[in-house]
Each structure stands twice: as C-alpha cells, then as structure tokens.
Amino acid sequence: MPQSRLNQLIIGIKGAGDMASAVAWRLYMANIRKIFMIEIPFPLAVRRGVCFCEAVHEGQKAIEGVQALKADGDEDIQRIWDNGKIAVIIDPEWKTIEKLRPDVLVDAILAKKNLGTKKSEAGLVIGLGPGFCAEDDVHLVIETKRGHYLGRIITSGKPIPDTGIPGNIEGYTIERLLRAPAEGVLEARLNIGDIVKSGEVIGNVGRVELKAGIDGVIRGLIRPGTKVTKNMKVGDIDPRGDKNYCDTISDKAMAIAGSVIEAVMRTYNV
C-alpha cells in the first residue's frame, strides 16, 4: 500500500485500557484514523484518566486532545470516523472484526494469555505482551516488560514470561498496587489524582477497607461500583506524586504504541 494510502487503513484494537488507548492515540496522531476499539460492557481499566474505555460509560472520552466516542452498533462507526473521532464499541464476542475486516488487528487486552486472537483475523495481527507467539497465533508480538527489551518487535517466538511483578517506579513494585481486600463492590472515598499517605483509607469493598501501601498520588482506580474479586488489581499509587501523570500517557505505553506504528509501517509502507 503506497504511503499516501496509509491513512485509509482500518485498525481494530481489542481492549480500550491504557495500553490499547496509547496505541490508538499514537496511530491517530500519525494520521491513521480509521480506528475502532472493542470493549466489554463493564471495562475493568484502572488508569481511567488515559483509557478510551471510559466512553462506554460516559459516551465519550478525550485523552491529550484526541477524542473517542461510543458507537451504537457497527453501523455507527463510519459516522464517528467521518467526524474525526475514534470509535469504541461494546462487542465481547468480537463480531465487529468479521464485519469491518480490518487491515490491522492489535490484541491489547493484556490478559497474559491469548483469549482467541488468530492470524486469520486481519492482514497484520499484533499481540501485546505474554500469551502470544509470533508466527503461530499472531504475526508479531511486542514486548511489554519494562527494561532493556521494552517495545521490541518479536517476529518469531514469545516475549518475556509474565512475572506477576509490576515495573519499578522509585524503588517500588508490588507495594504501589492496590488490590481488593475482599470480594464485593468497590466504593471509593478518594479519586484519581488525590494525594495519599501510607495507611490512608482509599475506599472499601463491603466492610473491608482499601488502604494505601505507600505515599504518592492515586494514578489509577477502577471505576467505583465495580464488582471485584479478592486480590484483584483495583488501582495503583505513583510514588513520584505528580498529578499530571494521571491524565497523560505513560512512557511505557508510548514506547509500546510506537512499536505498533513501526510494525504497521514495516508491513504496509511499501
């Protein structure tokens, strides 16, 4: 496809959490704008300030100047594209992929396993992180683990296995995560962007309090009213304490999204 037609590519993205949203944002900023994102009825995103999945609840969501709109069915997607926006559609069975036949499909669910993505779903199928094998179930895999190999495009084989330990920020890894202390519905006393101290109560699940493990700013918090299971990740605290990080795409997400653009260019800029 000639470079002048790159902007005609149809891009499908499974998921609309922070990594998926960064991918959509960078593609959009690169003038590849026929983008649709597939979500479940009740998204479980934590970093909601930078997640287009919030459009599922609010009807729209803007991230750093780029806006996504909720599509009322696949027939509504073209209207959203005509208005210069990204489309977010509720489609847990991924039927939109069969109807729109995207040129590129990115599995950005980050489930740590493949939930059913196949190479046959698009001309270029990209998997983000563990759970995918390049040349087997997808064409390319992008490394998502922080460190030397972050953002590498894997053309054969698998990325680094999931360790269960989040990336190090200011010396903190597991300590900065917020996990549900019990099963039930999350109720929040504080919000994303609030400064907290270690031991401070952020909310509760049923009668069990959810407390901060370190000092910092609440960078992510699952949507209040969400039903959660015990030990499920429901938020994170950034020890750097900069509120601006809550509404801007992270360095990790930017790196991964940039690799998606490279992968698309490798395939279609000929």
C-alpha atoms as a PDB file:
ATOM      1  CA  MET A   1       0.000   0.000   0.000  1.00  0.00           C
ATOM      2  CA  PRO A   2       1.504   3.376  -1.018  1.00  0.00           C
ATOM      3  CA  GLN A   3       2.320   5.767   1.803  1.00  0.00           C
ATOM      4  CA  SER A   4      -0.404   8.172   0.631  1.00  0.00           C
ATOM      5  CA  ARG A   5      -2.973   5.461   1.398  1.00  0.00           C
ATOM      6  CA  LEU A   6      -1.733   4.549   4.872  1.00  0.00           C
ATOM      7  CA  ASN A   7      -4.415   6.767   6.316  1.00  0.00           C
ATOM      8  CA  GLN A   8      -7.026   4.506   4.723  1.00  0.00           C
ATOM      9  CA  LEU A   9      -6.005   1.503   6.804  1.00  0.00           C
ATOM     10  CA  ILE A  10      -8.696   0.146   9.106  1.00  0.00           C
ATOM     11  CA  ILE A  11      -7.277  -0.618  12.546  1.00  0.00           C
ATOM     12  CA  GLY A  12      -9.074  -2.801  15.058  1.00  0.00           C
ATOM     13  CA  ILE A  13      -7.945  -2.862  18.683  1.00  0.00           C
ATOM     14  CA  LYS A  14      -9.132  -5.418  21.206  1.00  0.00           C
ATOM     15  CA  GLY A  15      -9.439  -3.588  24.513  1.00  0.00           C
ATOM     16  CA  ALA A  16      -9.534   0.106  25.347  1.00  0.00           C
ATOM     17  CA  GLY A  17      -7.457   0.224  28.527  1.00  0.00           C
ATOM     18  CA  ASP A  18      -4.337   2.338  28.966  1.00  0.00           C
ATOM     19  CA  MET A  19      -2.023   0.378  26.622  1.00  0.00           C
ATOM     20  CA  ALA A  20      -4.717  -0.037  23.986  1.00  0.00           C
ATOM     21  CA  SER A  21      -5.577   3.654  24.267  1.00  0.00           C
ATOM     22  CA  ALA A  22      -1.946   4.661  23.845  1.00  0.00           C
ATOM     23  CA  VAL A  23      -1.816   2.568  20.666  1.00  0.00           C
ATOM     24  CA  ALA A  24      -4.975   4.236  19.354  1.00  0.00           C
ATOM     25  CA  TRP A  25      -3.699   7.694  20.330  1.00  0.00           C
ATOM     26  CA  ARG A  26      -0.346   7.321  18.548  1.00  0.00           C
ATOM     27  CA  LEU A  27      -1.916   5.834  15.432  1.00  0.00           C
ATOM     28  CA  TYR A  28      -4.376   8.710  15.371  1.00  0.00           C
ATOM     29  CA  MET A  29      -1.567  11.245  15.776  1.00  0.00           C
ATOM     30  CA  ALA A  30       0.217   9.539  12.865  1.00  0.00           C
ATOM     31  CA  ASN A  31      -2.884  10.294  10.738  1.00  0.00           C
ATOM     32  CA  ILE A  32      -4.069   6.677  10.686  1.00  0.00           C
ATOM     33  CA  ARG A  33      -7.569   7.404  11.896  1.00  0.00           C
ATOM     34  CA  LYS A  34      -9.956   4.643  10.927  1.00  0.00           C
ATOM     35  CA  ILE A  35      -9.701   3.089  14.363  1.00  0.00           C
ATOM     36  CA  PHE A  36     -12.261   1.044  16.255  1.00  0.00           C
ATOM     37  CA  MET A  37     -11.740  -0.311  19.759  1.00  0.00           C
ATOM     38  CA  ILE A  38     -13.625  -3.301  21.145  1.00  0.00           C
ATOM     39  CA  GLU A  39     -14.647  -3.450  24.797  1.00  0.00           C
ATOM     40  CA  ILE A  40     -16.779  -5.417  27.250  1.00  0.00           C
ATOM     41  CA  PRO A  41     -19.921  -3.894  28.830  1.00  0.00           C
ATOM     42  CA  PHE A  42     -18.169  -3.184  32.140  1.00  0.00           C
ATOM     43  CA  PRO A  43     -14.483  -2.406  31.476  1.00  0.00           C
ATOM     44  CA  LEU A  44     -12.032  -3.121  34.295  1.00  0.00           C
ATOM     45  CA  ALA A  45      -9.460  -0.439  33.483  1.00  0.00           C
ATOM     46  CA  VAL A  46      -7.519   1.076  36.379  1.00  0.00           C
ATOM     47  CA  ARG A  47      -5.799   4.063  34.758  1.00  0.00           C
ATOM     48  CA  ARG A  48      -9.117   5.552  33.672  1.00  0.00           C
ATOM     49  CA  GLY A  49      -7.670   9.018  33.085  1.00  0.00           C
ATOM     50  CA  VAL A  50      -5.945   7.672  29.969  1.00  0.00           C
ATOM     51  CA  CYS A  51      -8.406   4.972  28.889  1.00  0.00           C
ATOM     52  CA  PHE A  52     -10.777   5.370  25.970  1.00  0.00           C
ATOM     53  CA  CYS A  53     -12.931   2.640  27.533  1.00  0.00           C
ATOM     54  CA  GLU A  54     -14.464   5.366  29.706  1.00  0.00           C
ATOM     55  CA  ALA A  55     -16.536   6.184  26.611  1.00  0.00           C
ATOM     56  CA  VAL A  56     -18.507   3.019  27.371  1.00  0.00           C
ATOM     57  CA  HIS A  57     -19.880   4.753  30.477  1.00  0.00           C
ATOM     58  CA  GLU A  58     -19.708   8.428  29.512  1.00  0.00           C
ATOM     59  CA  GLY A  59     -20.404   8.255  25.783  1.00  0.00           C
ATOM     60  CA  GLN A  60     -17.093   9.947  25.023  1.00  0.00           C
ATOM     61  CA  LYS A  61     -13.551  10.224  26.321  1.00  0.00           C
ATOM     62  CA  ALA A  62     -10.715  12.607  25.433  1.00  0.00           C
ATOM     63  CA  ILE A  63      -7.035  11.827  26.025  1.00  0.00           C
ATOM     64  CA  GLU A  64      -4.439  14.504  25.324  1.00  0.00           C
ATOM     65  CA  GLY A  65      -6.591  16.174  22.688  1.00  0.00           C
ATOM     66  CA  VAL A  66      -7.843  13.019  20.954  1.00  0.00           C
ATOM     67  CA  GLN A  67     -11.480  12.057  21.392  1.00  0.00           C
ATOM     68  CA  ALA A  68     -13.231   8.703  21.250  1.00  0.00           C
ATOM     69  CA  LEU A  69     -16.975   8.189  21.006  1.00  0.00           C
ATOM     70  CA  LYS A  70     -19.115   5.210  21.913  1.00  0.00           C
ATOM     71  CA  ALA A  71     -20.545   3.551  18.817  1.00  0.00           C
ATOM     72  CA  ASP A  72     -24.175   2.426  18.876  1.00  0.00           C
ATOM     73  CA  GLY A  73     -23.504  -0.656  16.780  1.00  0.00           C
ATOM     74  CA  ASP A  74     -21.012  -1.285  13.983  1.00  0.00           C
ATOM     75  CA  GLU A  75     -23.084   0.765  11.523  1.00  0.00           C
ATOM     76  CA  ASP A  76     -22.328   3.841  13.669  1.00  0.00           C
ATOM     77  CA  ILE A  77     -18.557   3.517  13.354  1.00  0.00           C
ATOM     78  CA  GLN A  78     -18.292   5.185   9.941  1.00  0.00           C
ATOM     79  CA  ARG A  79     -20.193   8.207  11.255  1.00  0.00           C
ATOM     80  CA  ILE A  80     -17.697   8.525  14.102  1.00  0.00           C
ATOM     81  CA  TRP A  81     -14.773   8.276  11.686  1.00  0.00           C
ATOM     82  CA  ASP A  82     -16.365  10.924   9.453  1.00  0.00           C
ATOM     83  CA  ASN A  83     -16.381  13.212  12.498  1.00  0.00           C
ATOM     84  CA  GLY A  84     -12.661  12.631  13.059  1.00  0.00           C
ATOM     85  CA  LYS A  85     -13.025  10.509  16.216  1.00  0.00           C
ATOM     86  CA  ILE A  86     -12.010   7.066  17.407  1.00  0.00           C
ATOM     87  CA  ALA A  87     -14.858   4.570  17.783  1.00  0.00           C
ATOM     88  CA  VAL A  88     -15.355   2.440  20.902  1.00  0.00           C
ATOM     89  CA  ILE A  89     -17.868  -0.378  20.627  1.00  0.00           C
ATOM     90  CA  ILE A  90     -19.179  -2.894  23.140  1.00  0.00           C
ATOM     91  CA  ASP A  91     -18.642  -6.258  21.483  1.00  0.00           C
ATOM     92  CA  PRO A  92     -17.483  -9.049  23.815  1.00  0.00           C
ATOM     93  CA  GLU A  93     -17.789 -11.600  21.011  1.00  0.00           C
ATOM     94  CA  TRP A  94     -15.630  -9.548  18.584  1.00  0.00           C
ATOM     95  CA  LYS A  95     -18.225  -9.734  15.785  1.00  0.00           C
ATOM     96  CA  THR A  96     -17.220  -6.256  14.585  1.00  0.00           C
ATOM     97  CA  ILE A  97     -13.961  -7.716  13.299  1.00  0.00           C
ATOM     98  CA  GLU A  98     -15.819 -10.013  10.901  1.00  0.00           C
ATOM     99  CA  LYS A  99     -17.982  -7.144   9.669  1.00  0.00           C
ATOM    100  CA  LEU A 100     -15.304  -4.470   9.195  1.00  0.00           C
ATOM    101  CA  ARG A 101     -12.425  -6.762   8.156  1.00  0.00           C
ATOM    102  CA  PRO A 102      -9.604  -4.545   9.488  1.00  0.00           C
ATOM    103  CA  ASP A 103      -6.226  -4.361   7.788  1.00  0.00           C
ATOM    104  CA  VAL A 104      -4.534  -4.434  11.200  1.00  0.00           C
ATOM    105  CA  LEU A 105      -5.711  -6.001  14.436  1.00  0.00           C
ATOM    106  CA  VAL A 106      -3.982  -5.329  17.756  1.00  0.00           C
ATOM    107  CA  ASP A 107      -4.778  -7.507  20.762  1.00  0.00           C
ATOM    108  CA  ALA A 108      -4.143  -5.067  23.604  1.00  0.00           C
ATOM    109  CA  ILE A 109      -6.249  -6.755  26.268  1.00  0.00           C
ATOM    110  CA  LEU A 110      -3.087  -7.685  28.227  1.00  0.00           C
ATOM    111  CA  ALA A 111      -4.737 -10.775  29.688  1.00  0.00           C
ATOM    112  CA  LYS A 112      -1.324 -12.533  29.897  1.00  0.00           C
ATOM    113  CA  LYS A 113      -2.844 -15.216  27.668  1.00  0.00           C
ATOM    114  CA  ASN A 114      -4.429 -15.410  24.257  1.00  0.00           C
ATOM    115  CA  LEU A 115      -8.211 -15.265  24.584  1.00  0.00           C
ATOM    116  CA  GLY A 116      -8.788 -16.339  20.991  1.00  0.00           C
ATOM    117  CA  THR A 117      -6.908 -13.991  18.661  1.00  0.00           C
ATOM    118  CA  LYS A 118      -5.852 -15.588  15.347  1.00  0.00           C
ATOM    119  CA  LYS A 119      -3.665 -14.540  12.422  1.00  0.00           C
ATOM    120  CA  SER A 120      -6.610 -15.003  10.101  1.00  0.00           C
ATOM    121  CA  GLU A 121      -8.480 -12.040  11.633  1.00  0.00           C
ATOM    122  CA  ALA A 122      -6.511  -9.390   9.687  1.00  0.00           C
ATOM    123  CA  GLY A 123      -3.664  -8.889   7.261  1.00  0.00           C
ATOM    124  CA  LEU A 124      -1.455  -7.933  10.202  1.00  0.00           C
ATOM    125  CA  VAL A 125      -2.236  -9.221  13.679  1.00  0.00           C
ATOM    126  CA  ILE A 126      -0.170  -7.920  16.612  1.00  0.00           C
ATOM    127  CA  GLY A 127      -0.211  -9.211  20.173  1.00  0.00           C
ATOM    128  CA  LEU A 128       0.975  -7.136  23.120  1.00  0.00           C
ATOM    129  CA  GLY A 129       2.920  -8.962  25.808  1.00  0.00           C
ATOM    130  CA  PRO A 130       2.841 -12.508  27.213  1.00  0.00           C
ATOM    131  CA  GLY A 131       0.411 -15.066  25.877  1.00  0.00           C
ATOM    132  CA  PHE A 132       1.227 -14.726  22.186  1.00  0.00           C
ATOM    133  CA  CYS A 133       3.685 -16.451  19.879  1.00  0.00           C
ATOM    134  CA  ALA A 134       4.817 -14.664  16.720  1.00  0.00           C
ATOM    135  CA  GLU A 135       4.376 -16.746  13.555  1.00  0.00           C
ATOM    136  CA  ASP A 136       1.991 -19.025  15.435  1.00  0.00           C
ATOM    137  CA  ASP A 137      -1.192 -17.288  16.642  1.00  0.00           C
ATOM    138  CA  VAL A 138      -0.190 -13.724  15.636  1.00  0.00           C
ATOM    139  CA  HIS A 139       2.170 -12.222  13.068  1.00  0.00           C
ATOM    140  CA  LEU A 140       4.129 -10.043  15.514  1.00  0.00           C
ATOM    141  CA  VAL A 141       4.440  -9.677  19.289  1.00  0.00           C
ATOM    142  CA  ILE A 142       5.562  -6.553  21.120  1.00  0.00           C
ATOM    143  CA  GLU A 143       7.488  -6.813  24.383  1.00  0.00           C
ATOM    144  CA  THR A 144       5.670  -5.080  27.226  1.00  0.00           C
ATOM    145  CA  LYS A 145       8.015  -5.745  30.151  1.00  0.00           C
ATOM    146  CA  ARG A 146       9.878  -2.674  31.413  1.00  0.00           C
ATOM    147  CA  GLY A 147      13.616  -2.833  30.857  1.00  0.00           C
ATOM    148  CA  HIS A 148      16.089  -3.227  28.043  1.00  0.00           C
ATOM    149  CA  TYR A 149      13.696  -5.057  25.697  1.00  0.00           C
ATOM    150  CA  LEU A 150      10.606  -2.909  26.195  1.00  0.00           C
ATOM    151  CA  GLY A 151       8.930  -2.219  22.861  1.00  0.00           C
ATOM    152  CA  ARG A 152      10.964  -4.740  20.862  1.00  0.00           C
ATOM    153  CA  ILE A 153       9.092  -6.243  17.917  1.00  0.00           C
ATOM    154  CA  ILE A 154       9.289 -10.024  18.042  1.00  0.00           C
ATOM    155  CA  THR A 155       8.986 -11.694  14.643  1.00  0.00           C
ATOM    156  CA  SER A 156       9.387 -15.267  15.852  1.00  0.00           C
ATOM    157  CA  GLY A 157       8.681 -16.729  19.278  1.00  0.00           C
ATOM    158  CA  LYS A 158       7.381 -15.374  22.556  1.00  0.00           C
ATOM    159  CA  PRO A 159       8.035 -12.317  24.759  1.00  0.00           C
ATOM    160  CA  ILE A 160       9.410 -12.485  28.300  1.00  0.00           C
ATOM    161  CA  PRO A 161       7.028 -14.518  30.502  1.00  0.00           C
ATOM    162  CA  ASP A 162       4.833 -12.683  32.989  1.00  0.00           C
ATOM    163  CA  THR A 163       6.486 -12.422  36.399  1.00  0.00           C
ATOM    164  CA  GLY A 164       3.490 -11.003  38.231  1.00  0.00           C
ATOM    165  CA  ILE A 165       5.675  -8.145  39.481  1.00  0.00           C
ATOM    166  CA  PRO A 166       4.903  -4.646  38.127  1.00  0.00           C
ATOM    167  CA  GLY A 167       7.610  -2.318  36.868  1.00  0.00           C
ATOM    168  CA  ASN A 168       9.848  -0.497  39.321  1.00  0.00           C
ATOM    169  CA  ILE A 169       8.971   3.149  39.973  1.00  0.00           C
ATOM    170  CA  GLU A 170      11.109   4.992  42.524  1.00  0.00           C
ATOM    171  CA  GLY A 171      12.078   1.657  44.059  1.00  0.00           C
ATOM    172  CA  TYR A 172       8.502   0.400  44.452  1.00  0.00           C
ATOM    173  CA  THR A 173       6.947  -2.529  42.573  1.00  0.00           C
ATOM    174  CA  ILE A 174       4.226  -4.614  44.253  1.00  0.00           C
ATOM    175  CA  GLU A 175       3.874  -2.022  47.025  1.00  0.00           C
ATOM    176  CA  ARG A 176       2.363   0.551  44.681  1.00  0.00           C
ATOM    177  CA  LEU A 177      -0.509  -1.683  43.590  1.00  0.00           C
ATOM    178  CA  LEU A 178      -3.943  -1.534  45.166  1.00  0.00           C
ATOM    179  CA  ARG A 179      -5.616  -4.932  45.396  1.00  0.00           C
ATOM    180  CA  ALA A 180      -9.153  -5.680  46.516  1.00  0.00           C
ATOM    181  CA  PRO A 181      -9.094  -6.746  50.183  1.00  0.00           C
ATOM    182  CA  ALA A 182     -12.246  -8.820  49.706  1.00  0.00           C
ATOM    183  CA  GLU A 183     -14.862  -9.829  47.167  1.00  0.00           C
ATOM    184  CA  GLY A 184     -17.664  -7.361  46.614  1.00  0.00           C
ATOM    185  CA  VAL A 185     -18.415  -3.924  45.181  1.00  0.00           C
ATOM    186  CA  LEU A 186     -15.730  -1.234  45.342  1.00  0.00           C
ATOM    187  CA  GLU A 187     -16.769   2.019  46.989  1.00  0.00           C
ATOM    188  CA  ALA A 188     -14.271   4.884  46.801  1.00  0.00           C
ATOM    189  CA  ARG A 189     -13.677   7.726  49.259  1.00  0.00           C
ATOM    190  CA  LEU A 190     -10.877   9.218  47.169  1.00  0.00           C
ATOM    191  CA  ASN A 191     -10.360   9.714  43.447  1.00  0.00           C
ATOM    192  CA  ILE A 192      -7.664   9.511  40.794  1.00  0.00           C
ATOM    193  CA  GLY A 193      -5.315  12.464  41.307  1.00  0.00           C
ATOM    194  CA  ASP A 194      -5.661  12.586  45.095  1.00  0.00           C
ATOM    195  CA  ILE A 195      -2.502  12.580  47.209  1.00  0.00           C
ATOM    196  CA  VAL A 196      -2.387   9.826  49.835  1.00  0.00           C
ATOM    197  CA  LYS A 197      -0.209   8.675  52.697  1.00  0.00           C
ATOM    198  CA  SER A 198       0.698   5.089  53.506  1.00  0.00           C
ATOM    199  CA  GLY A 199      -2.116   3.526  55.516  1.00  0.00           C
ATOM    200  CA  GLU A 200      -4.735   6.046  54.405  1.00  0.00           C
ATOM    201  CA  VAL A 201      -8.142   4.614  53.542  1.00  0.00           C
ATOM    202  CA  ILE A 202      -8.949   4.987  49.844  1.00  0.00           C
ATOM    203  CA  GLY A 203     -12.246   3.144  49.873  1.00  0.00           C
ATOM    204  CA  ASN A 204     -13.754  -0.151  50.844  1.00  0.00           C
ATOM    205  CA  VAL A 205     -15.052  -3.404  49.433  1.00  0.00           C
ATOM    206  CA  GLY A 206     -18.053  -4.307  51.541  1.00  0.00           C
ATOM    207  CA  ARG A 207     -16.933  -3.641  55.087  1.00  0.00           C
ATOM    208  CA  VAL A 208     -13.230  -4.165  54.389  1.00  0.00           C
ATOM    209  CA  GLU A 209     -11.102  -1.041  53.950  1.00  0.00           C
ATOM    210  CA  LEU A 210      -8.826  -0.498  50.982  1.00  0.00           C
ATOM    211  CA  LYS A 211      -5.659   1.254  52.202  1.00  0.00           C
ATOM    212  CA  ALA A 212      -2.681   2.834  50.519  1.00  0.00           C
ATOM    213  CA  GLY A 213       0.572   0.933  50.913  1.00  0.00           C
ATOM    214  CA  ILE A 214       2.865   3.869  50.108  1.00  0.00           C
ATOM    215  CA  ASP A 215       2.831   7.661  49.889  1.00  0.00           C
ATOM    216  CA  GLY A 216       2.019   9.149  46.494  1.00  0.00           C
ATOM    217  CA  VAL A 217      -0.749  10.117  44.107  1.00  0.00           C
ATOM    218  CA  ILE A 218      -3.589   7.807  43.105  1.00  0.00           C
ATOM    219  CA  ARG A 219      -2.744   7.315  39.434  1.00  0.00           C
ATOM    220  CA  GLY A 220      -5.342   4.642  38.790  1.00  0.00           C
ATOM    221  CA  LEU A 221      -8.526   3.410  40.427  1.00  0.00           C
ATOM    222  CA  ILE A 222     -11.096   1.051  38.992  1.00  0.00           C
ATOM    223  CA  ARG A 223     -14.494   2.624  38.443  1.00  0.00           C
ATOM    224  CA  PRO A 224     -16.437   2.847  41.734  1.00  0.00           C
ATOM    225  CA  GLY A 225     -19.394   0.476  41.814  1.00  0.00           C
ATOM    226  CA  THR A 226     -17.457  -2.274  40.044  1.00  0.00           C
ATOM    227  CA  LYS A 227     -17.820  -5.782  41.403  1.00  0.00           C
ATOM    228  CA  VAL A 228     -14.370  -7.149  42.206  1.00  0.00           C
ATOM    229  CA  THR A 229     -12.819 -10.375  43.438  1.00  0.00           C
ATOM    230  CA  LYS A 230     -10.380 -10.653  46.329  1.00  0.00           C
ATOM    231  CA  ASN A 231      -6.790  -9.662  45.400  1.00  0.00           C
ATOM    232  CA  MET A 232      -7.899  -8.243  42.062  1.00  0.00           C
ATOM    233  CA  LYS A 233      -5.903  -5.195  40.969  1.00  0.00           C
ATOM    234  CA  VAL A 234      -8.141  -2.173  41.524  1.00  0.00           C
ATOM    235  CA  GLY A 235      -5.687   0.738  41.482  1.00  0.00           C
ATOM    236  CA  ASP A 236      -2.139   1.988  41.701  1.00  0.00           C
ATOM    237  CA  ILE A 237      -0.237   4.704  43.514  1.00  0.00           C
ATOM    238  CA  ASP A 238       2.551   6.648  41.859  1.00  0.00           C
ATOM    239  CA  PRO A 239       5.263   7.466  44.419  1.00  0.00           C
ATOM    240  CA  ARG A 240       6.519  10.355  42.268  1.00  0.00           C
ATOM    241  CA  GLY A 241       3.437  12.310  43.334  1.00  0.00           C
ATOM    242  CA  ASP A 242       2.955  14.204  40.058  1.00  0.00           C
ATOM    243  CA  LYS A 243      -0.774  14.653  39.361  1.00  0.00           C
ATOM    244  CA  ASN A 244      -0.059  15.386  35.687  1.00  0.00           C
ATOM    245  CA  TYR A 245       0.870  11.740  35.199  1.00  0.00           C
ATOM    246  CA  CYS A 246      -2.741  10.735  35.888  1.00  0.00           C
ATOM    247  CA  ASP A 247      -4.030  12.247  32.643  1.00  0.00           C
ATOM    248  CA  THR A 248      -1.070  11.732  30.331  1.00  0.00           C
ATOM    249  CA  ILE A 249       0.099   8.591  28.552  1.00  0.00           C
ATOM    250  CA  SER A 250       2.996   6.847  30.311  1.00  0.00           C
ATOM    251  CA  ASP A 251       6.489   6.339  28.926  1.00  0.00           C
ATOM    252  CA  LYS A 252       5.912   2.577  28.778  1.00  0.00           C
ATOM    253  CA  ALA A 253       2.649   2.919  26.882  1.00  0.00           C
ATOM    254  CA  MET A 254       4.206   5.439  24.481  1.00  0.00           C
ATOM    255  CA  ALA A 255       7.070   3.032  23.724  1.00  0.00           C
ATOM    256  CA  ILE A 256       4.756   0.098  23.057  1.00  0.00           C
ATOM    257  CA  ALA A 257       2.438   2.212  20.916  1.00  0.00           C
ATOM    258  CA  GLY A 258       5.385   3.484  18.891  1.00  0.00           C
ATOM    259  CA  SER A 259       6.340  -0.100  18.138  1.00  0.00           C
ATOM    260  CA  VAL A 260       2.848  -0.780  16.823  1.00  0.00           C
ATOM    261  CA  ILE A 261       3.264   2.107  14.380  1.00  0.00           C
ATOM    262  CA  GLU A 262       6.631   0.682  13.289  1.00  0.00           C
ATOM    263  CA  ALA A 263       5.056  -2.738  12.763  1.00  0.00           C
ATOM    264  CA  VAL A 264       2.313  -1.211  10.619  1.00  0.00           C
ATOM    265  CA  MET A 265       4.852   0.742   8.588  1.00  0.00           C
ATOM    266  CA  ARG A 266       7.009  -2.344   8.069  1.00  0.00           C
ATOM    267  CA  THR A 267       4.021  -4.151   6.607  1.00  0.00           C
ATOM    268  CA  TYR A 268       2.165  -1.521   4.615  1.00  0.00           C
ATOM    269  CA  ASN A 269       4.641   1.257   3.699  1.00  0.00           C
ATOM    270  CA  VAL A 270       5.908  -0.426   0.531  1.00  0.00           C
END
